[in-house]
């Protein structure tokens, strides 16, 4: 039995349409999370100057997760009583996001515990205000098994 070219085109078109509809159905059932619930609001408030001012510090500051704690090392801020906000965000699950508000001296020496955090890739934002000017450093860390 030989299939005519018109029937072949109809079969190919129908298969393509069904595959497209199947993919749309699959995509509609997937969970989509932004990095933050206030993603658009944060984008509007984002100040590029914060990162520019922090650029000098960024060359020196190292954000590291060692021995179950997150530490800032080689901090170029003279006043270690400065309060630092540390935000840890997981793109895969915003419910896991954590924010810490600590003194620079304590995060440089003792660190912030990461033992309760899931292993994997985390977006880290370190921000502080010094002399009425906001500073911000964004980086990524990978928490591995202890």
Foldseek 3Di string as FASTA:
>chain_A
DDDDPVVVVVVVVVVVVVVVVVVVVVVVPDDADAQDPCVVVCVVVDDPVQAVVCVVQVVQWDFAQPPQFTATPRGPDPDQQWWKKKWKTDNVDRVQIDIDIGGNVCCHPVGHGRPPHDFAKIWIKIWTDDPNDIHIDIDMYTGDDD
